[in-house]
Amino acid sequence: MSDRSLRGMRLGAQSMETESGVEPAPRQSVEYRCADGEQVFVTFSSEAEIPATWMSKTGKEALLVNGEAPDTSNDKPVRTHWDMLLERRTLPELETILADRLTILREKRGEKV
């Protein structure tokens, strides 16, 4: 039984194939630049469609170097939760609701109003 065991092998964790004769797919390195001058290099397949913008690791938007700027003329302004709330209620209504909710909360805590 011991002559058939595979001692020292990590079965399933390591491939027994070598990388000799394997040619990687053709790639291209693309440069993006943020507004503050930060450079971002991204590697794409040579057949891939290159996006005009890329998000850097620091969370800033970078534009493609020597590329056309993206057309943002049709973009809608971002609607926040506050904007949507103001579409449904007026400020005096919101103040009344807030006062009512604070009264209920204080009564639950046992505070005097």
PDB file of N, CA and C in Angstrom:
ATOM      1  N   MET A   1       0.807  -1.180   0.000  1.00  0.00           N
ATOM      2  CA  MET A   1       0.000   0.000   0.000  1.00  0.00           C
ATOM      3  C   MET A   1       0.863   1.262   0.000  1.00  0.00           C
ATOM      4  N   SER A   2       1.945   1.259   0.760  1.00  0.00           N
ATOM      5  CA  SER A   2       2.781   2.445   0.858  1.00  0.00           C
ATOM      6  C   SER A   2       3.557   2.702  -0.432  1.00  0.00           C
ATOM      7  N   ASP A   3       3.767   1.684  -1.264  1.00  0.00           N
ATOM      8  CA  ASP A   3       4.501   1.908  -2.512  1.00  0.00           C
ATOM      9  C   ASP A   3       3.647   2.649  -3.540  1.00  0.00           C
ATOM     10  N   ARG A   4       2.323   2.719  -3.343  1.00  0.00           N
ATOM     11  CA  ARG A   4       1.454   3.416  -4.288  1.00  0.00           C
ATOM     12  C   ARG A   4       1.098   4.827  -3.821  1.00  0.00           C
ATOM     13  N   SER A   5       1.484   5.228  -2.645  1.00  0.00           N
ATOM     14  CA  SER A   5       1.120   6.563  -2.153  1.00  0.00           C
ATOM     15  C   SER A   5       2.016   7.610  -2.816  1.00  0.00           C
ATOM     16  N   LEU A   6       1.463   8.796  -2.939  1.00  0.00           N
ATOM     17  CA  LEU A   6       2.208   9.898  -3.555  1.00  0.00           C
ATOM     18  C   LEU A   6       2.663  10.847  -2.453  1.00  0.00           C
ATOM     19  N   ARG A   7       3.710  10.449  -1.790  1.00  0.00           N
ATOM     20  CA  ARG A   7       4.197  11.271  -0.695  1.00  0.00           C
ATOM     21  C   ARG A   7       4.879  12.522  -1.234  1.00  0.00           C
ATOM     22  N   GLY A   8       4.617  13.632  -0.535  1.00  0.00           N
ATOM     23  CA  GLY A   8       5.283  14.878  -0.909  1.00  0.00           C
ATOM     24  C   GLY A   8       4.594  15.621  -2.035  1.00  0.00           C
ATOM     25  N   MET A   9       3.510  15.123  -2.540  1.00  0.00           N
ATOM     26  CA  MET A   9       2.806  15.794  -3.634  1.00  0.00           C
ATOM     27  C   MET A   9       1.585  16.517  -3.066  1.00  0.00           C
ATOM     28  N   ARG A  10       1.321  17.696  -3.569  1.00  0.00           N
ATOM     29  CA  ARG A  10       0.124  18.439  -3.189  1.00  0.00           C
ATOM     30  C   ARG A  10      -0.885  18.262  -4.320  1.00  0.00           C
ATOM     31  N   LEU A  11      -1.627  17.225  -4.249  1.00  0.00           N
ATOM     32  CA  LEU A  11      -2.562  16.911  -5.325  1.00  0.00           C
ATOM     33  C   LEU A  11      -3.630  17.992  -5.442  1.00  0.00           C
ATOM     34  N   GLY A  12      -3.842  18.457  -6.644  1.00  0.00           N
ATOM     35  CA  GLY A  12      -4.869  19.451  -6.902  1.00  0.00           C
ATOM     36  C   GLY A  12      -4.426  20.869  -6.638  1.00  0.00           C
ATOM     37  N   ALA A  13      -3.360  21.060  -5.900  1.00  0.00           N
ATOM     38  CA  ALA A  13      -2.915  22.403  -5.576  1.00  0.00           C
ATOM     39  C   ALA A  13      -1.849  22.904  -6.539  1.00  0.00           C
ATOM     40  N   GLN A  14      -1.222  22.003  -7.259  1.00  0.00           N
ATOM     41  CA  GLN A  14      -0.134  22.403  -8.125  1.00  0.00           C
ATOM     42  C   GLN A  14      -0.217  21.618  -9.426  1.00  0.00           C
ATOM     43  N   SER A  15      -0.102  22.326 -10.543  1.00  0.00           N
ATOM     44  CA  SER A  15      -0.158  21.682 -11.843  1.00  0.00           C
ATOM     45  C   SER A  15       1.193  21.054 -12.165  1.00  0.00           C
ATOM     46  N   MET A  16       1.167  19.940 -12.816  1.00  0.00           N
ATOM     47  CA  MET A  16       2.404  19.267 -13.205  1.00  0.00           C
ATOM     48  C   MET A  16       2.871  19.707 -14.602  1.00  0.00           C
ATOM     49  N   GLU A  17       2.090  20.581 -15.253  1.00  0.00           N
ATOM     50  CA  GLU A  17       2.463  21.069 -16.574  1.00  0.00           C
ATOM     51  C   GLU A  17       3.488  22.179 -16.455  1.00  0.00           C
ATOM     52  N   THR A  18       4.325  22.290 -17.455  1.00  0.00           N
ATOM     53  CA  THR A  18       5.294  23.379 -17.498  1.00  0.00           C
ATOM     54  C   THR A  18       4.788  24.433 -18.472  1.00  0.00           C
ATOM     55  N   GLU A  19       5.368  25.632 -18.400  1.00  0.00           N
ATOM     56  CA  GLU A  19       4.957  26.714 -19.279  1.00  0.00           C
ATOM     57  C   GLU A  19       5.846  26.814 -20.509  1.00  0.00           C
ATOM     58  N   SER A  20       6.639  25.823 -20.754  1.00  0.00           N
ATOM     59  CA  SER A  20       7.498  25.866 -21.929  1.00  0.00           C
ATOM     60  C   SER A  20       6.646  25.682 -23.188  1.00  0.00           C
ATOM     61  N   GLY A  21       6.886  26.516 -24.168  1.00  0.00           N
ATOM     62  CA  GLY A  21       6.142  26.452 -25.419  1.00  0.00           C
ATOM     63  C   GLY A  21       4.819  27.205 -25.385  1.00  0.00           C
ATOM     64  N   VAL A  22       4.478  27.787 -24.238  1.00  0.00           N
ATOM     65  CA  VAL A  22       3.227  28.538 -24.124  1.00  0.00           C
ATOM     66  C   VAL A  22       3.508  29.995 -24.464  1.00  0.00           C
ATOM     67  N   GLU A  23       2.734  30.536 -25.391  1.00  0.00           N
ATOM     68  CA  GLU A  23       2.912  31.932 -25.786  1.00  0.00           C
ATOM     69  C   GLU A  23       1.733  32.746 -25.279  1.00  0.00           C
ATOM     70  N   PRO A  24       1.979  33.787 -24.480  1.00  0.00           N
ATOM     71  CA  PRO A  24       0.861  34.576 -23.960  1.00  0.00           C
ATOM     72  C   PRO A  24       0.163  35.351 -25.078  1.00  0.00           C
ATOM     73  N   ALA A  25      -1.090  35.712 -24.818  1.00  0.00           N
ATOM     74  CA  ALA A  25      -1.851  36.475 -25.800  1.00  0.00           C
ATOM     75  C   ALA A  25      -1.218  37.849 -25.985  1.00  0.00           C
ATOM     76  N   PRO A  26      -1.323  38.416 -27.178  1.00  0.00           N
ATOM     77  CA  PRO A  26      -0.738  39.748 -27.405  1.00  0.00           C
ATOM     78  C   PRO A  26      -1.430  40.802 -26.535  1.00  0.00           C
ATOM     79  N   ARG A  27      -0.614  41.666 -25.919  1.00  0.00           N
ATOM     80  CA  ARG A  27      -1.136  42.674 -24.999  1.00  0.00           C
ATOM     81  C   ARG A  27      -0.623  44.051 -25.383  1.00  0.00           C
ATOM     82  N   GLN A  28      -1.293  45.056 -24.837  1.00  0.00           N
ATOM     83  CA  GLN A  28      -0.851  46.434 -25.012  1.00  0.00           C
ATOM     84  C   GLN A  28      -1.011  47.172 -23.683  1.00  0.00           C
ATOM     85  N   SER A  29      -0.066  48.056 -23.407  1.00  0.00           N
ATOM     86  CA  SER A  29      -0.125  48.855 -22.193  1.00  0.00           C
ATOM     87  C   SER A  29      -0.676  50.226 -22.566  1.00  0.00           C
ATOM     88  N   VAL A  30      -1.691  50.682 -21.819  1.00  0.00           N
ATOM     89  CA  VAL A  30      -2.361  51.943 -22.116  1.00  0.00           C
ATOM     90  C   VAL A  30      -2.160  52.877 -20.932  1.00  0.00           C
ATOM     91  N   GLU A  31      -1.900  54.145 -21.233  1.00  0.00           N
ATOM     92  CA  GLU A  31      -1.653  55.123 -20.174  1.00  0.00           C
ATOM     93  C   GLU A  31      -2.869  56.030 -20.000  1.00  0.00           C
ATOM     94  N   TYR A  32      -3.243  56.225 -18.748  1.00  0.00           N
ATOM     95  CA  TYR A  32      -4.297  57.156 -18.371  1.00  0.00           C
ATOM     96  C   TYR A  32      -3.670  58.182 -17.436  1.00  0.00           C
ATOM     97  N   ARG A  33      -4.249  59.385 -17.395  1.00  0.00           N
ATOM     98  CA  ARG A  33      -3.721  60.417 -16.514  1.00  0.00           C
ATOM     99  C   ARG A  33      -4.872  61.140 -15.818  1.00  0.00           C
ATOM    100  N   CYS A  34      -4.724  61.305 -14.501  1.00  0.00           N
ATOM    101  CA  CYS A  34      -5.728  62.025 -13.700  1.00  0.00           C
ATOM    102  C   CYS A  34      -5.517  63.530 -13.862  1.00  0.00           C
ATOM    103  N   ALA A  35      -6.476  64.313 -13.371  1.00  0.00           N
ATOM    104  CA  ALA A  35      -6.397  65.768 -13.472  1.00  0.00           C
ATOM    105  C   ALA A  35      -5.215  66.318 -12.672  1.00  0.00           C
ATOM    106  N   ASP A  36      -4.821  65.629 -11.597  1.00  0.00           N
ATOM    107  CA  ASP A  36      -3.694  66.098 -10.784  1.00  0.00           C
ATOM    108  C   ASP A  36      -2.343  65.577 -11.275  1.00  0.00           C
ATOM    109  N   GLY A  37      -2.321  64.886 -12.412  1.00  0.00           N
ATOM    110  CA  GLY A  37      -1.072  64.413 -13.003  1.00  0.00           C
ATOM    111  C   GLY A  37      -0.711  62.977 -12.679  1.00  0.00           C
ATOM    112  N   GLU A  38      -1.497  62.296 -11.866  1.00  0.00           N
ATOM    113  CA  GLU A  38      -1.215  60.904 -11.529  1.00  0.00           C
ATOM    114  C   GLU A  38      -1.329  60.036 -12.780  1.00  0.00           C
ATOM    115  N   GLN A  39      -0.329  59.206 -13.020  1.00  0.00           N
ATOM    116  CA  GLN A  39      -0.329  58.319 -14.183  1.00  0.00           C
ATOM    117  C   GLN A  39      -0.834  56.940 -13.787  1.00  0.00           C
ATOM    118  N   VAL A  40      -1.654  56.352 -14.670  1.00  0.00           N
ATOM    119  CA  VAL A  40      -2.192  55.018 -14.448  1.00  0.00           C
ATOM    120  C   VAL A  40      -1.903  54.207 -15.700  1.00  0.00           C
ATOM    121  N   PHE A  41      -1.233  53.065 -15.537  1.00  0.00           N
ATOM    122  CA  PHE A  41      -0.944  52.187 -16.665  1.00  0.00           C
ATOM    123  C   PHE A  41      -1.777  50.920 -16.523  1.00  0.00           C
ATOM    124  N   VAL A  42      -2.512  50.581 -17.580  1.00  0.00           N
ATOM    125  CA  VAL A  42      -3.380  49.415 -17.565  1.00  0.00           C
ATOM    126  C   VAL A  42      -3.030  48.547 -18.766  1.00  0.00           C
ATOM    127  N   THR A  43      -2.958  47.241 -18.561  1.00  0.00           N
ATOM    128  CA  THR A  43      -2.649  46.316 -19.636  1.00  0.00           C
ATOM    129  C   THR A  43      -3.937  45.692 -20.149  1.00  0.00           C
ATOM    130  N   PHE A  44      -4.153  45.798 -21.469  1.00  0.00           N
ATOM    131  CA  PHE A  44      -5.321  45.237 -22.125  1.00  0.00           C
ATOM    132  C   PHE A  44      -4.876  44.252 -23.191  1.00  0.00           C
ATOM    133  N   SER A  45      -5.791  43.405 -23.611  1.00  0.00           N
ATOM    134  CA  SER A  45      -5.552  42.561 -24.771  1.00  0.00           C
ATOM    135  C   SER A  45      -5.448  43.459 -25.994  1.00  0.00           C
ATOM    136  N   SER A  46      -4.684  43.036 -26.984  1.00  0.00           N
ATOM    137  CA  SER A  46      -4.540  43.869 -28.175  1.00  0.00           C
ATOM    138  C   SER A  46      -5.850  43.958 -28.953  1.00  0.00           C
ATOM    139  N   GLU A  47      -6.788  43.048 -28.680  1.00  0.00           N
ATOM    140  CA  GLU A  47      -8.070  43.053 -29.377  1.00  0.00           C
ATOM    141  C   GLU A  47      -9.146  43.792 -28.590  1.00  0.00           C
ATOM    142  N   ALA A  48      -8.852  44.217 -27.363  1.00  0.00           N
ATOM    143  CA  ALA A  48      -9.860  44.821 -26.491  1.00  0.00           C
ATOM    144  C   ALA A  48     -10.177  46.243 -26.924  1.00  0.00           C
ATOM    145  N   GLU A  49     -11.422  46.650 -26.647  1.00  0.00           N
ATOM    146  CA  GLU A  49     -11.823  48.029 -26.883  1.00  0.00           C
ATOM    147  C   GLU A  49     -11.362  48.854 -25.682  1.00  0.00           C
ATOM    148  N   ILE A  50     -10.603  49.905 -25.926  1.00  0.00           N
ATOM    149  CA  ILE A  50      -9.999  50.699 -24.866  1.00  0.00           C
ATOM    150  C   ILE A  50     -10.998  51.757 -24.394  1.00  0.00           C
ATOM    151  N   PRO A  51     -11.367  51.761 -23.090  1.00  0.00           N
ATOM    152  CA  PRO A  51     -12.293  52.778 -22.584  1.00  0.00           C
ATOM    153  C   PRO A  51     -11.625  54.150 -22.499  1.00  0.00           C
ATOM    154  N   ALA A  52     -12.415  55.212 -22.617  1.00  0.00           N
ATOM    155  CA  ALA A  52     -11.883  56.581 -22.594  1.00  0.00           C
ATOM    156  C   ALA A  52     -11.503  57.012 -21.183  1.00  0.00           C
ATOM    157  N   THR A  53     -12.137  56.436 -20.166  1.00  0.00           N
ATOM    158  CA  THR A  53     -11.803  56.785 -18.779  1.00  0.00           C
ATOM    159  C   THR A  53     -11.513  55.514 -17.992  1.00  0.00           C
ATOM    160  N   TRP A  54     -10.757  55.675 -16.906  1.00  0.00           N
ATOM    161  CA  TRP A  54     -10.418  54.550 -16.035  1.00  0.00           C
ATOM    162  C   TRP A  54     -10.352  55.069 -14.613  1.00  0.00           C
ATOM    163  N   MET A  55     -10.813  54.284 -13.658  1.00  0.00           N
ATOM    164  CA  MET A  55     -10.772  54.669 -12.253  1.00  0.00           C
ATOM    165  C   MET A  55      -9.432  54.218 -11.674  1.00  0.00           C
ATOM    166  N   SER A  56      -8.683  55.159 -11.118  1.00  0.00           N
ATOM    167  CA  SER A  56      -7.375  54.821 -10.559  1.00  0.00           C
ATOM    168  C   SER A  56      -7.547  54.121  -9.211  1.00  0.00           C
ATOM    169  N   LYS A  57      -6.456  53.597  -8.671  1.00  0.00           N
ATOM    170  CA  LYS A  57      -6.512  52.902  -7.378  1.00  0.00           C
ATOM    171  C   LYS A  57      -6.870  53.857  -6.248  1.00  0.00           C
ATOM    172  N   THR A  58      -6.602  55.138  -6.447  1.00  0.00           N
ATOM    173  CA  THR A  58      -6.911  56.129  -5.421  1.00  0.00           C
ATOM    174  C   THR A  58      -8.341  56.640  -5.526  1.00  0.00           C
ATOM    175  N   GLY A  59      -9.107  56.133  -6.514  1.00  0.00           N
ATOM    176  CA  GLY A  59     -10.512  56.500  -6.643  1.00  0.00           C
ATOM    177  C   GLY A  59     -10.762  57.693  -7.537  1.00  0.00           C
ATOM    178  N   LYS A  60      -9.733  58.200  -8.194  1.00  0.00           N
ATOM    179  CA  LYS A  60      -9.898  59.349  -9.085  1.00  0.00           C
ATOM    180  C   LYS A  60     -10.114  58.861 -10.517  1.00  0.00           C
ATOM    181  N   GLU A  61     -10.827  59.671 -11.292  1.00  0.00           N
ATOM    182  CA  GLU A  61     -11.077  59.311 -12.685  1.00  0.00           C
ATOM    183  C   GLU A  61      -9.917  59.784 -13.544  1.00  0.00           C
ATOM    184  N   ALA A  62      -9.383  58.876 -14.348  1.00  0.00           N
ATOM    185  CA  ALA A  62      -8.261  59.191 -15.224  1.00  0.00           C
ATOM    186  C   ALA A  62      -8.719  59.133 -16.672  1.00  0.00           C
ATOM    187  N   LEU A  63      -8.199  60.051 -17.488  1.00  0.00           N
ATOM    188  CA  LEU A  63      -8.550  60.113 -18.904  1.00  0.00           C
ATOM    189  C   LEU A  63      -7.445  59.472 -19.733  1.00  0.00           C
ATOM    190  N   LEU A  64      -7.831  58.888 -20.849  1.00  0.00           N
ATOM    191  CA  LEU A  64      -6.901  58.242 -21.760  1.00  0.00           C
ATOM    192  C   LEU A  64      -5.956  59.278 -22.350  1.00  0.00           C
ATOM    193  N   VAL A  65      -4.650  59.010 -22.295  1.00  0.00           N
ATOM    194  CA  VAL A  65      -3.666  59.913 -22.871  1.00  0.00           C
ATOM    195  C   VAL A  65      -3.731  59.774 -24.391  1.00  0.00           C
ATOM    196  N   ASN A  66      -3.707  60.882 -25.088  1.00  0.00           N
ATOM    197  CA  ASN A  66      -3.801  60.932 -26.557  1.00  0.00           C
ATOM    198  C   ASN A  66      -5.105  60.335 -27.060  1.00  0.00           C
ATOM    199  N   GLY A  67      -6.140  60.414 -26.268  1.00  0.00           N
ATOM    200  CA  GLY A  67      -7.450  59.907 -26.674  1.00  0.00           C
ATOM    201  C   GLY A  67      -8.464  61.037 -26.642  1.00  0.00           C
ATOM    202  N   GLU A  68      -9.633  60.764 -27.161  1.00  0.00           N
ATOM    203  CA  GLU A  68     -10.686  61.765 -27.167  1.00  0.00           C
ATOM    204  C   GLU A  68     -11.353  61.795 -25.798  1.00  0.00           C
ATOM    205  N   ALA A  69     -11.713  62.999 -25.379  1.00  0.00           N
ATOM    206  CA  ALA A  69     -12.421  63.147 -24.105  1.00  0.00           C
ATOM    207  C   ALA A  69     -13.835  62.605 -24.254  1.00  0.00           C
ATOM    208  N   PRO A  70     -14.356  61.927 -23.247  1.00  0.00           N
ATOM    209  CA  PRO A  70     -15.707  61.382 -23.348  1.00  0.00           C
ATOM    210  C   PRO A  70     -16.743  62.501 -23.412  1.00  0.00           C
ATOM    211  N   ASP A  71     -17.818  62.254 -24.163  1.00  0.00           N
ATOM    212  CA  ASP A  71     -18.888  63.227 -24.316  1.00  0.00           C
ATOM    213  C   ASP A  71     -19.823  63.123 -23.124  1.00  0.00           C
ATOM    214  N   THR A  72     -19.853  64.161 -22.299  1.00  0.00           N
ATOM    215  CA  THR A  72     -20.694  64.152 -21.105  1.00  0.00           C
ATOM    216  C   THR A  72     -21.815  65.178 -21.208  1.00  0.00           C
ATOM    217  N   SER A  73     -22.111  65.642 -22.396  1.00  0.00           N
ATOM    218  CA  SER A  73     -23.121  66.688 -22.543  1.00  0.00           C
ATOM    219  C   SER A  73     -24.530  66.177 -22.265  1.00  0.00           C
ATOM    220  N   ASN A  74     -24.793  64.889 -22.456  1.00  0.00           N
ATOM    221  CA  ASN A  74     -26.126  64.344 -22.254  1.00  0.00           C
ATOM    222  C   ASN A  74     -26.337  63.767 -20.862  1.00  0.00           C
ATOM    223  N   ASP A  75     -25.351  63.886 -20.010  1.00  0.00           N
ATOM    224  CA  ASP A  75     -25.468  63.324 -18.658  1.00  0.00           C
ATOM    225  C   ASP A  75     -26.446  64.135 -17.828  1.00  0.00           C
ATOM    226  N   LYS A  76     -27.291  63.434 -17.089  1.00  0.00           N
ATOM    227  CA  LYS A  76     -28.220  64.084 -16.172  1.00  0.00           C
ATOM    228  C   LYS A  76     -27.475  64.401 -14.882  1.00  0.00           C
ATOM    229  N   PRO A  77     -27.868  65.469 -14.204  1.00  0.00           N
ATOM    230  CA  PRO A  77     -27.251  65.718 -12.896  1.00  0.00           C
ATOM    231  C   PRO A  77     -27.682  64.631 -11.913  1.00  0.00           C
ATOM    232  N   VAL A  78     -26.829  64.328 -10.984  1.00  0.00           N
ATOM    233  CA  VAL A  78     -27.094  63.267 -10.024  1.00  0.00           C
ATOM    234  C   VAL A  78     -28.176  63.726  -9.054  1.00  0.00           C
ATOM    235  N   ARG A  79     -29.195  62.888  -8.887  1.00  0.00           N
ATOM    236  CA  ARG A  79     -30.264  63.178  -7.936  1.00  0.00           C
ATOM    237  C   ARG A  79     -29.936  62.496  -6.617  1.00  0.00           C
ATOM    238  N   THR A  80     -29.822  63.280  -5.584  1.00  0.00           N
ATOM    239  CA  THR A  80     -29.526  62.724  -4.263  1.00  0.00           C
ATOM    240  C   THR A  80     -30.828  62.362  -3.550  1.00  0.00           C
ATOM    241  N   HIS A  81     -30.703  61.704  -2.407  1.00  0.00           N
ATOM    242  CA  HIS A  81     -31.876  61.371  -1.610  1.00  0.00           C
ATOM    243  C   HIS A  81     -32.587  62.644  -1.149  1.00  0.00           C
ATOM    244  N   TRP A  82     -31.797  63.655  -0.817  1.00  0.00           N
ATOM    245  CA  TRP A  82     -32.376  64.916  -0.367  1.00  0.00           C
ATOM    246  C   TRP A  82     -33.199  65.560  -1.477  1.00  0.00           C
ATOM    247  N   ASP A  83     -32.703  65.525  -2.719  1.00  0.00           N
ATOM    248  CA  ASP A  83     -33.454  66.082  -3.855  1.00  0.00           C
ATOM    249  C   ASP A  83     -34.777  65.361  -4.042  1.00  0.00           C
ATOM    250  N   MET A  84     -34.745  64.043  -3.943  1.00  0.00           N
ATOM    251  CA  MET A  84     -35.985  63.278  -4.122  1.00  0.00           C
ATOM    252  C   MET A  84     -36.960  63.533  -2.971  1.00  0.00           C
ATOM    253  N   LEU A  85     -36.442  63.733  -1.764  1.00  0.00           N
ATOM    254  CA  LEU A  85     -37.303  64.028  -0.624  1.00  0.00           C
ATOM    255  C   LEU A  85     -37.973  65.393  -0.798  1.00  0.00           C
ATOM    256  N   LEU A  86     -37.213  66.363  -1.301  1.00  0.00           N
ATOM    257  CA  LEU A  86     -37.777  67.691  -1.508  1.00  0.00           C
ATOM    258  C   LEU A  86     -38.814  67.720  -2.632  1.00  0.00           C
ATOM    259  N   GLU A  87     -38.795  66.725  -3.505  1.00  0.00           N
ATOM    260  CA  GLU A  87     -39.826  66.634  -4.538  1.00  0.00           C
ATOM    261  C   GLU A  87     -41.165  66.206  -3.929  1.00  0.00           C
ATOM    262  N   ARG A  88     -41.116  65.483  -2.800  1.00  0.00           N
ATOM    263  CA  ARG A  88     -42.337  64.968  -2.178  1.00  0.00           C
ATOM    264  C   ARG A  88     -42.838  65.843  -1.034  1.00  0.00           C
ATOM    265  N   ARG A  89     -41.932  66.532  -0.332  1.00  0.00           N
ATOM    266  CA  ARG A  89     -42.310  67.291   0.852  1.00  0.00           C
ATOM    267  C   ARG A  89     -41.698  68.690   0.798  1.00  0.00           C
ATOM    268  N   THR A  90     -42.329  69.610   1.525  1.00  0.00           N
ATOM    269  CA  THR A  90     -41.766  70.953   1.668  1.00  0.00           C
ATOM    270  C   THR A  90     -40.959  70.999   2.954  1.00  0.00           C
ATOM    271  N   LEU A  91     -40.146  72.044   3.125  1.00  0.00           N
ATOM    272  CA  LEU A  91     -39.330  72.167   4.334  1.00  0.00           C
ATOM    273  C   LEU A  91     -40.177  72.290   5.603  1.00  0.00           C
ATOM    274  N   PRO A  92     -41.276  73.078   5.604  1.00  0.00           N
ATOM    275  CA  PRO A  92     -42.100  73.098   6.831  1.00  0.00           C
ATOM    276  C   PRO A  92     -42.691  71.726   7.174  1.00  0.00           C
ATOM    277  N   GLU A  93     -43.087  70.947   6.164  1.00  0.00           N
ATOM    278  CA  GLU A  93     -43.602  69.590   6.433  1.00  0.00           C
ATOM    279  C   GLU A  93     -42.508  68.718   7.044  1.00  0.00           C
ATOM    280  N   LEU A  94     -41.304  68.826   6.527  1.00  0.00           N
ATOM    281  CA  LEU A  94     -40.190  68.022   7.046  1.00  0.00           C
ATOM    282  C   LEU A  94     -39.859  68.405   8.487  1.00  0.00           C
ATOM    283  N   GLU A  95     -39.917  69.689   8.796  1.00  0.00           N
ATOM    284  CA  GLU A  95     -39.646  70.126  10.162  1.00  0.00           C
ATOM    285  C   GLU A  95     -40.711  69.601  11.121  1.00  0.00           C
ATOM    286  N   THR A  96     -41.974  69.578  10.692  1.00  0.00           N
ATOM    287  CA  THR A  96     -43.059  69.049  11.523  1.00  0.00           C
ATOM    288  C   THR A  96     -42.869  67.555  11.776  1.00  0.00           C
ATOM    289  N   ILE A  97     -42.539  66.817  10.722  1.00  0.00           N
ATOM    290  CA  ILE A  97     -42.315  65.368  10.850  1.00  0.00           C
ATOM    291  C   ILE A  97     -41.138  65.094  11.786  1.00  0.00           C
ATOM    292  N   LEU A  98     -40.064  65.866  11.642  1.00  0.00           N
ATOM    293  CA  LEU A  98     -38.897  65.689  12.508  1.00  0.00           C
ATOM    294  C   LEU A  98     -39.258  65.938  13.968  1.00  0.00           C
ATOM    295  N   ALA A  99     -40.005  66.997  14.221  1.00  0.00           N
ATOM    296  CA  ALA A  99     -40.406  67.300  15.599  1.00  0.00           C
ATOM    297  C   ALA A  99     -41.269  66.180  16.174  1.00  0.00           C
ATOM    298  N   ASP A 100     -42.202  65.642  15.384  1.00  0.00           N
ATOM    299  CA  ASP A 100     -43.047  64.531  15.844  1.00  0.00           C
ATOM    300  C   ASP A 100     -42.209  63.293  16.163  1.00  0.00           C
ATOM    301  N   ARG A 101     -41.292  62.967  15.295  1.00  0.00           N
ATOM    302  CA  ARG A 101     -40.459  61.771  15.498  1.00  0.00           C
ATOM    303  C   ARG A 101     -39.560  61.935  16.723  1.00  0.00           C
ATOM    304  N   LEU A 102     -39.020  63.146  16.928  1.00  0.00           N
ATOM    305  CA  LEU A 102     -38.177  63.376  18.103  1.00  0.00           C
ATOM    306  C   LEU A 102     -38.990  63.263  19.390  1.00  0.00           C
ATOM    307  N   THR A 103     -40.231  63.727  19.360  1.00  0.00           N
ATOM    308  CA  THR A 103     -41.104  63.603  20.534  1.00  0.00           C
ATOM    309  C   THR A 103     -41.357  62.132  20.861  1.00  0.00           C
ATOM    310  N   ILE A 104     -41.661  61.340  19.847  1.00  0.00           N
ATOM    311  CA  ILE A 104     -41.902  59.903  20.046  1.00  0.00           C
ATOM    312  C   ILE A 104     -40.656  59.223  20.591  1.00  0.00           C
ATOM    313  N   LEU A 105     -39.500  59.557  20.041  1.00  0.00           N
ATOM    314  CA  LEU A 105     -38.247  58.956  20.487  1.00  0.00           C
ATOM    315  C   LEU A 105     -37.946  59.314  21.935  1.00  0.00           C
ATOM    316  N   ARG A 106     -38.156  60.554  22.292  1.00  0.00           N
ATOM    317  CA  ARG A 106     -37.889  60.976  23.674  1.00  0.00           C
ATOM    318  C   ARG A 106     -38.856  60.326  24.653  1.00  0.00           C
ATOM    319  N   GLU A 107     -40.127  60.132  24.242  1.00  0.00           N
ATOM    320  CA  GLU A 107     -41.088  59.462  25.112  1.00  0.00           C
ATOM    321  C   GLU A 107     -40.697  58.002  25.341  1.00  0.00           C
ATOM    322  N   LYS A 108     -40.164  57.350  24.302  1.00  0.00           N
ATOM    323  CA  LYS A 108     -39.732  55.955  24.455  1.00  0.00           C
ATOM    324  C   LYS A 108     -38.552  55.852  25.425  1.00  0.00           C
ATOM    325  N   ARG A 109     -37.684  56.859  25.421  1.00  0.00           N
ATOM    326  CA  ARG A 109     -36.529  56.847  26.298  1.00  0.00           C
ATOM    327  C   ARG A 109     -36.892  57.256  27.734  1.00  0.00           C
ATOM    328  N   GLY A 110     -38.103  57.774  27.887  1.00  0.00           N
ATOM    329  CA  GLY A 110     -38.535  58.181  29.222  1.00  0.00           C
ATOM    330  C   GLY A 110     -38.138  59.596  29.563  1.00  0.00           C
ATOM    331  N   GLU A 111     -37.760  60.377  28.582  1.00  0.00           N
ATOM    332  CA  GLU A 111     -37.404  61.767  28.838  1.00  0.00           C
ATOM    333  C   GLU A 111     -38.662  62.612  28.864  1.00  0.00           C
ATOM    334  N   LYS A 112     -38.605  63.701  29.602  1.00  0.00           N
ATOM    335  CA  LYS A 112     -39.748  64.617  29.647  1.00  0.00           C
ATOM    336  C   LYS A 112     -39.678  65.552  28.451  1.00  0.00           C
ATOM    337  N   VAL A 113     -40.855  65.789  27.897  1.00  0.00           N
ATOM    338  CA  VAL A 113     -40.922  66.650  26.711  1.00  0.00           C
ATOM    339  C   VAL A 113     -41.266  68.053  27.083  1.00  0.00           C
TER     340      VAL A 113
END
